[in-house]
Amino acid sequence: MKKTAKRIITMGILAVLICTFCSLTAFAASTDSAADGNAVVETQTTESNSDGDKAIAAAICVGLAAAGAAIGMGIAIAKSAEGISRQPEATGNIRTSLMLGLVFIETAIIYALIIAILVIFVL
C-alpha cells in the first residue's frame, strides 16, 4: 500500500514537472535582431512556432492530468468495490466517499483544462 502511494505521488510530481517544462516554450520571448526585410518573415515563423509550442504544451498538460486522474479513479473505484464486497452494510458510506473523491479528481482535470485554454489563448 505504501509503495503504491509513493509511486502515485512520484508520478504526480513528475507530471507537474513535465507540464512546467513543456509550457516554458509558451513563455519564451521571440528575439528579432534583423533590421531589414527578413524581420517580417522571421516574426511570422516565430509566431507560428510559438502557437504550435503552446498547443503542444496545452495538450501535454491536459493529457498528463487526464492520465493521472484516470489512474487515480481506477484505483479509487477498485478499492471501493473491494470495500463494498467486504462490508456490504457500509455501502452507503463507501459510495458517498467515492463520489466525493471522484468529484475532486474531476475538478483537478477541469483546472488543467482551464490552464491549457489560458496558455493557448492568453499567452
N, C-alpha and C. Protein backbone atom coordinates (compact mmCIF):
# COMPACT_ATOMS: atom_id res chain seq x y z
N MET A 1 0.82 -1.19 0.00
CA MET A 1 0.00 0.00 0.00
C MET A 1 0.87 1.25 0.00
N LYS A 2 1.88 1.27 0.85
CA LYS A 2 2.75 2.43 0.93
C LYS A 2 3.55 2.59 -0.36
N LYS A 3 3.93 1.47 -0.95
CA LYS A 3 4.70 1.51 -2.20
C LYS A 3 3.85 2.10 -3.32
N THR A 4 2.58 1.75 -3.36
CA THR A 4 1.68 2.29 -4.39
C THR A 4 1.45 3.78 -4.18
N ALA A 5 1.29 4.21 -2.94
CA ALA A 5 1.08 5.63 -2.66
C ALA A 5 2.31 6.44 -3.04
N LYS A 6 3.49 5.93 -2.75
CA LYS A 6 4.72 6.63 -3.13
C LYS A 6 4.84 6.72 -4.66
N ARG A 7 4.47 5.66 -5.33
CA ARG A 7 4.54 5.64 -6.79
C ARG A 7 3.57 6.66 -7.39
N ILE A 8 2.36 6.77 -6.84
CA ILE A 8 1.37 7.72 -7.34
C ILE A 8 1.84 9.15 -7.08
N ILE A 9 2.38 9.41 -5.91
CA ILE A 9 2.89 10.75 -5.61
C ILE A 9 4.04 11.10 -6.52
N THR A 10 4.94 10.16 -6.76
CA THR A 10 6.06 10.40 -7.66
C THR A 10 5.58 10.68 -9.07
N MET A 11 4.59 9.93 -9.53
CA MET A 11 4.05 10.17 -10.88
C MET A 11 3.39 11.55 -10.96
N GLY A 12 2.70 11.98 -9.92
CA GLY A 12 2.08 13.30 -9.90
C GLY A 12 3.11 14.41 -9.96
N ILE A 13 4.18 14.27 -9.18
CA ILE A 13 5.24 15.27 -9.20
C ILE A 13 5.91 15.30 -10.57
N LEU A 14 6.15 14.14 -11.15
CA LEU A 14 6.74 14.07 -12.48
C LEU A 14 5.84 14.72 -13.53
N ALA A 15 4.54 14.51 -13.42
CA ALA A 15 3.60 15.12 -14.37
C ALA A 15 3.61 16.63 -14.26
N VAL A 16 3.67 17.16 -13.03
CA VAL A 16 3.72 18.60 -12.85
C VAL A 16 5.01 19.17 -13.43
N LEU A 17 6.13 18.49 -13.21
CA LEU A 17 7.40 18.96 -13.76
C LEU A 17 7.40 18.95 -15.28
N ILE A 18 6.85 17.90 -15.87
CA ILE A 18 6.80 17.83 -17.33
C ILE A 18 5.92 18.94 -17.88
N CYS A 19 4.77 19.18 -17.25
CA CYS A 19 3.90 20.28 -17.70
C CYS A 19 4.62 21.62 -17.58
N THR A 20 5.37 21.80 -16.51
CA THR A 20 6.09 23.06 -16.32
C THR A 20 7.14 23.25 -17.39
N PHE A 21 7.93 22.23 -17.67
CA PHE A 21 8.98 22.37 -18.66
C PHE A 21 8.42 22.50 -20.07
N CYS A 22 7.31 21.84 -20.35
CA CYS A 22 6.71 21.96 -21.68
C CYS A 22 6.08 23.32 -21.90
N SER A 23 5.58 23.92 -20.84
CA SER A 23 4.95 25.23 -21.00
C SER A 23 5.97 26.36 -21.03
N LEU A 24 7.23 26.08 -20.73
CA LEU A 24 8.25 27.13 -20.79
C LEU A 24 8.40 27.66 -22.21
N THR A 25 8.19 26.83 -23.21
CA THR A 25 8.30 27.31 -24.58
C THR A 25 7.19 28.30 -24.91
N ALA A 26 6.07 28.18 -24.23
CA ALA A 26 4.98 29.12 -24.46
C ALA A 26 5.31 30.50 -23.91
N PHE A 27 6.15 30.54 -22.87
CA PHE A 27 6.52 31.80 -22.27
C PHE A 27 7.75 32.43 -22.89
N ALA A 28 8.42 31.69 -23.77
CA ALA A 28 9.66 32.19 -24.36
C ALA A 28 9.37 33.41 -25.23
N ALA A 29 10.18 34.42 -25.10
CA ALA A 29 10.02 35.65 -25.89
C ALA A 29 10.80 35.51 -27.19
N SER A 30 10.26 36.04 -28.26
CA SER A 30 10.96 35.98 -29.54
C SER A 30 11.96 37.11 -29.61
N THR A 31 13.09 36.84 -30.26
CA THR A 31 14.12 37.86 -30.43
C THR A 31 14.24 38.18 -31.90
N ASP A 32 13.97 39.43 -32.24
CA ASP A 32 14.09 39.88 -33.61
C ASP A 32 15.27 40.84 -33.70
N SER A 33 16.39 40.34 -34.23
CA SER A 33 17.58 41.16 -34.30
C SER A 33 17.83 41.68 -35.71
N ALA A 34 17.07 41.21 -36.68
CA ALA A 34 17.29 41.65 -38.05
C ALA A 34 16.61 43.00 -38.27
N ALA A 35 17.29 43.89 -39.00
CA ALA A 35 16.75 45.23 -39.23
C ALA A 35 16.27 45.40 -40.66
N ASP A 36 16.42 44.39 -41.49
CA ASP A 36 16.00 44.53 -42.89
C ASP A 36 14.67 43.83 -43.12
N GLY A 37 14.34 43.54 -44.37
CA GLY A 37 13.05 42.95 -44.73
C GLY A 37 12.85 41.54 -44.22
N ASN A 38 13.90 40.85 -43.77
CA ASN A 38 13.76 39.49 -43.27
C ASN A 38 13.10 39.44 -41.89
N ALA A 39 12.99 40.58 -41.23
CA ALA A 39 12.41 40.62 -39.89
C ALA A 39 10.95 40.18 -39.92
N VAL A 40 10.21 40.55 -40.97
CA VAL A 40 8.80 40.17 -41.06
C VAL A 40 8.68 38.66 -41.21
N VAL A 41 9.52 38.06 -42.03
CA VAL A 41 9.47 36.62 -42.24
C VAL A 41 9.83 35.89 -40.96
N GLU A 42 10.87 36.36 -40.24
CA GLU A 42 11.26 35.72 -39.00
C GLU A 42 10.18 35.85 -37.94
N THR A 43 9.51 36.98 -37.89
CA THR A 43 8.45 37.18 -36.91
C THR A 43 7.29 36.23 -37.18
N GLN A 44 6.93 36.06 -38.45
CA GLN A 44 5.83 35.16 -38.77
C GLN A 44 6.20 33.73 -38.43
N THR A 45 7.42 33.34 -38.71
CA THR A 45 7.85 31.98 -38.39
C THR A 45 7.87 31.78 -36.88
N THR A 46 8.37 32.75 -36.13
CA THR A 46 8.43 32.64 -34.68
C THR A 46 7.03 32.58 -34.08
N GLU A 47 6.10 33.40 -34.58
CA GLU A 47 4.74 33.35 -34.06
C GLU A 47 4.09 32.01 -34.37
N SER A 48 4.34 31.46 -35.56
CA SER A 48 3.78 30.17 -35.92
C SER A 48 4.33 29.08 -35.02
N ASN A 49 5.64 29.10 -34.79
CA ASN A 49 6.24 28.11 -33.90
C ASN A 49 5.74 28.28 -32.48
N SER A 50 5.53 29.52 -32.05
CA SER A 50 5.03 29.78 -30.71
C SER A 50 3.62 29.22 -30.54
N ASP A 51 2.78 29.38 -31.55
CA ASP A 51 1.42 28.82 -31.49
C ASP A 51 1.47 27.30 -31.40
N GLY A 52 2.35 26.70 -32.16
CA GLY A 52 2.50 25.25 -32.11
C GLY A 52 3.01 24.78 -30.77
N ASP A 53 3.97 25.52 -30.22
CA ASP A 53 4.50 25.16 -28.90
C ASP A 53 3.43 25.29 -27.82
N LYS A 54 2.61 26.32 -27.94
CA LYS A 54 1.52 26.49 -26.97
C LYS A 54 0.54 25.31 -27.05
N ALA A 55 0.23 24.91 -28.27
CA ALA A 55 -0.71 23.79 -28.44
C ALA A 55 -0.13 22.49 -27.88
N ILE A 56 1.15 22.26 -28.12
CA ILE A 56 1.78 21.05 -27.61
C ILE A 56 1.82 21.08 -26.08
N ALA A 57 2.18 22.24 -25.50
CA ALA A 57 2.23 22.35 -24.04
C ALA A 57 0.85 22.12 -23.43
N ALA A 58 -0.18 22.69 -24.05
CA ALA A 58 -1.54 22.52 -23.54
C ALA A 58 -1.99 21.06 -23.65
N ALA A 59 -1.66 20.43 -24.76
CA ALA A 59 -2.05 19.02 -24.96
C ALA A 59 -1.35 18.11 -23.95
N ILE A 60 -0.08 18.36 -23.72
CA ILE A 60 0.65 17.54 -22.74
C ILE A 60 0.10 17.76 -21.34
N CYS A 61 -0.20 19.02 -21.01
CA CYS A 61 -0.74 19.34 -19.69
C CYS A 61 -2.06 18.63 -19.44
N VAL A 62 -2.97 18.74 -20.36
CA VAL A 62 -4.28 18.11 -20.19
C VAL A 62 -4.15 16.58 -20.28
N GLY A 63 -3.30 16.10 -21.17
CA GLY A 63 -3.12 14.65 -21.31
C GLY A 63 -2.57 14.01 -20.05
N LEU A 64 -1.56 14.64 -19.46
CA LEU A 64 -0.99 14.08 -18.24
C LEU A 64 -1.98 14.17 -17.07
N ALA A 65 -2.70 15.27 -17.00
CA ALA A 65 -3.70 15.41 -15.94
C ALA A 65 -4.79 14.35 -16.09
N ALA A 66 -5.24 14.14 -17.32
CA ALA A 66 -6.28 13.14 -17.55
C ALA A 66 -5.77 11.73 -17.28
N ALA A 67 -4.52 11.46 -17.67
CA ALA A 67 -3.97 10.12 -17.44
C ALA A 67 -3.80 9.86 -15.94
N GLY A 68 -3.28 10.84 -15.22
CA GLY A 68 -3.13 10.68 -13.78
C GLY A 68 -4.47 10.52 -13.08
N ALA A 69 -5.44 11.29 -13.53
CA ALA A 69 -6.77 11.20 -12.93
C ALA A 69 -7.42 9.85 -13.24
N ALA A 70 -7.22 9.36 -14.44
CA ALA A 70 -7.79 8.05 -14.80
C ALA A 70 -7.20 6.95 -13.94
N ILE A 71 -5.90 7.02 -13.69
CA ILE A 71 -5.27 6.02 -12.82
C ILE A 71 -5.82 6.14 -11.40
N GLY A 72 -5.93 7.38 -10.91
CA GLY A 72 -6.48 7.59 -9.57
C GLY A 72 -7.91 7.12 -9.45
N MET A 73 -8.72 7.40 -10.46
CA MET A 73 -10.12 6.97 -10.44
C MET A 73 -10.22 5.45 -10.46
N GLY A 74 -9.38 4.82 -11.27
CA GLY A 74 -9.40 3.36 -11.33
C GLY A 74 -9.06 2.73 -10.00
N ILE A 75 -8.04 3.28 -9.35
CA ILE A 75 -7.65 2.75 -8.04
C ILE A 75 -8.76 2.98 -7.02
N ALA A 76 -9.35 4.19 -7.04
CA ALA A 76 -10.42 4.50 -6.08
C ALA A 76 -11.63 3.60 -6.28
N ILE A 77 -12.02 3.39 -7.51
CA ILE A 77 -13.18 2.54 -7.79
C ILE A 77 -12.90 1.10 -7.40
N ALA A 78 -11.68 0.63 -7.69
CA ALA A 78 -11.33 -0.75 -7.32
C ALA A 78 -11.36 -0.94 -5.80
N LYS A 79 -10.82 0.04 -5.09
CA LYS A 79 -10.80 -0.08 -3.63
C LYS A 79 -12.20 0.04 -3.03
N SER A 80 -13.03 0.89 -3.63
CA SER A 80 -14.40 0.99 -3.10
C SER A 80 -15.20 -0.28 -3.38
N ALA A 81 -15.00 -0.88 -4.55
CA ALA A 81 -15.69 -2.14 -4.83
C ALA A 81 -15.21 -3.24 -3.89
N GLU A 82 -13.92 -3.22 -3.59
CA GLU A 82 -13.38 -4.19 -2.64
C GLU A 82 -13.96 -3.96 -1.24
N GLY A 83 -14.07 -2.69 -0.84
CA GLY A 83 -14.63 -2.37 0.47
C GLY A 83 -16.09 -2.74 0.56
N ILE A 84 -16.84 -2.51 -0.51
CA ILE A 84 -18.26 -2.87 -0.51
C ILE A 84 -18.43 -4.38 -0.45
N SER A 85 -17.56 -5.12 -1.15
CA SER A 85 -17.68 -6.58 -1.11
C SER A 85 -17.31 -7.16 0.26
N ARG A 86 -16.43 -6.46 0.98
CA ARG A 86 -16.06 -6.95 2.31
C ARG A 86 -17.08 -6.56 3.38
N GLN A 87 -17.66 -5.35 3.23
CA GLN A 87 -18.65 -4.88 4.20
C GLN A 87 -19.86 -4.32 3.46
N PRO A 88 -20.79 -5.16 3.08
CA PRO A 88 -21.96 -4.69 2.34
C PRO A 88 -22.82 -3.71 3.13
N GLU A 89 -22.75 -3.75 4.45
CA GLU A 89 -23.58 -2.84 5.25
C GLU A 89 -23.05 -1.41 5.21
N ALA A 90 -21.82 -1.20 4.75
CA ALA A 90 -21.23 0.14 4.68
C ALA A 90 -21.28 0.70 3.26
N THR A 91 -22.15 0.15 2.43
CA THR A 91 -22.21 0.56 1.03
C THR A 91 -22.51 2.04 0.87
N GLY A 92 -23.43 2.57 1.63
CA GLY A 92 -23.81 3.98 1.52
C GLY A 92 -22.65 4.92 1.84
N ASN A 93 -21.94 4.62 2.93
CA ASN A 93 -20.81 5.47 3.32
C ASN A 93 -19.67 5.38 2.31
N ILE A 94 -19.40 4.18 1.84
CA ILE A 94 -18.33 4.00 0.86
C ILE A 94 -18.67 4.71 -0.45
N ARG A 95 -19.91 4.57 -0.88
CA ARG A 95 -20.33 5.20 -2.13
C ARG A 95 -20.26 6.73 -2.02
N THR A 96 -20.65 7.27 -0.88
CA THR A 96 -20.59 8.72 -0.68
C THR A 96 -19.14 9.22 -0.73
N SER A 97 -18.26 8.52 -0.05
CA SER A 97 -16.85 8.90 -0.06
C SER A 97 -16.25 8.76 -1.45
N LEU A 98 -16.64 7.73 -2.17
CA LEU A 98 -16.15 7.53 -3.52
C LEU A 98 -16.58 8.67 -4.43
N MET A 99 -17.84 9.02 -4.38
CA MET A 99 -18.33 10.10 -5.25
C MET A 99 -17.66 11.43 -4.93
N LEU A 100 -17.45 11.71 -3.66
CA LEU A 100 -16.77 12.94 -3.27
C LEU A 100 -15.34 12.96 -3.79
N GLY A 101 -14.64 11.85 -3.66
CA GLY A 101 -13.27 11.75 -4.17
C GLY A 101 -13.21 11.89 -5.69
N LEU A 102 -14.15 11.26 -6.40
CA LEU A 102 -14.17 11.37 -7.86
C LEU A 102 -14.46 12.79 -8.32
N VAL A 103 -15.29 13.50 -7.57
CA VAL A 103 -15.57 14.90 -7.90
C VAL A 103 -14.31 15.75 -7.76
N PHE A 104 -13.54 15.51 -6.71
CA PHE A 104 -12.30 16.27 -6.53
C PHE A 104 -11.29 15.95 -7.63
N ILE A 105 -11.22 14.70 -8.04
CA ILE A 105 -10.31 14.33 -9.13
C ILE A 105 -10.73 15.01 -10.43
N GLU A 106 -12.01 15.01 -10.72
CA GLU A 106 -12.50 15.68 -11.94
C GLU A 106 -12.25 17.18 -11.88
N THR A 107 -12.32 17.77 -10.70
CA THR A 107 -12.03 19.19 -10.56
C THR A 107 -10.60 19.49 -10.94
N ALA A 108 -9.68 18.62 -10.57
CA ALA A 108 -8.27 18.81 -10.94
C ALA A 108 -8.11 18.77 -12.46
N ILE A 109 -8.83 17.90 -13.13
CA ILE A 109 -8.75 17.83 -14.60
C ILE A 109 -9.32 19.10 -15.21
N ILE A 110 -10.41 19.59 -14.67
CA ILE A 110 -11.00 20.82 -15.20
C ILE A 110 -10.06 22.00 -15.01
N TYR A 111 -9.36 22.05 -13.87
CA TYR A 111 -8.37 23.12 -13.67
C TYR A 111 -7.25 23.02 -14.70
N ALA A 112 -6.79 21.81 -15.00
CA ALA A 112 -5.75 21.63 -16.01
C ALA A 112 -6.26 22.09 -17.38
N LEU A 113 -7.52 21.81 -17.68
CA LEU A 113 -8.10 22.25 -18.95
C LEU A 113 -8.17 23.77 -19.01
N ILE A 114 -8.55 24.41 -17.93
CA ILE A 114 -8.62 25.88 -17.90
C ILE A 114 -7.23 26.49 -18.10
N ILE A 115 -6.23 25.90 -17.46
CA ILE A 115 -4.86 26.40 -17.63
C ILE A 115 -4.40 26.20 -19.07
N ALA A 116 -4.75 25.08 -19.68
CA ALA A 116 -4.37 24.84 -21.07
C ALA A 116 -5.05 25.85 -22.00
N ILE A 117 -6.31 26.16 -21.74
CA ILE A 117 -7.01 27.16 -22.56
C ILE A 117 -6.36 28.52 -22.38
N LEU A 118 -5.98 28.87 -21.16
CA LEU A 118 -5.30 30.14 -20.92
C LEU A 118 -3.96 30.20 -21.63
N VAL A 119 -3.23 29.10 -21.64
CA VAL A 119 -1.94 29.08 -22.34
C VAL A 119 -2.14 29.30 -23.83
N ILE A 120 -3.16 28.69 -24.40
CA ILE A 120 -3.37 28.82 -25.84
C ILE A 120 -3.85 30.20 -26.22
N PHE A 121 -4.83 30.73 -25.52
CA PHE A 121 -5.49 31.96 -25.98
C PHE A 121 -4.95 33.24 -25.35
N VAL A 122 -4.40 33.19 -24.15
CA VAL A 122 -3.97 34.41 -23.49
C VAL A 122 -2.50 34.71 -23.73
N LEU A 123 -1.67 33.71 -23.71
CA LEU A 123 -0.23 33.96 -23.88
C LEU A 123 0.14 34.19 -25.32
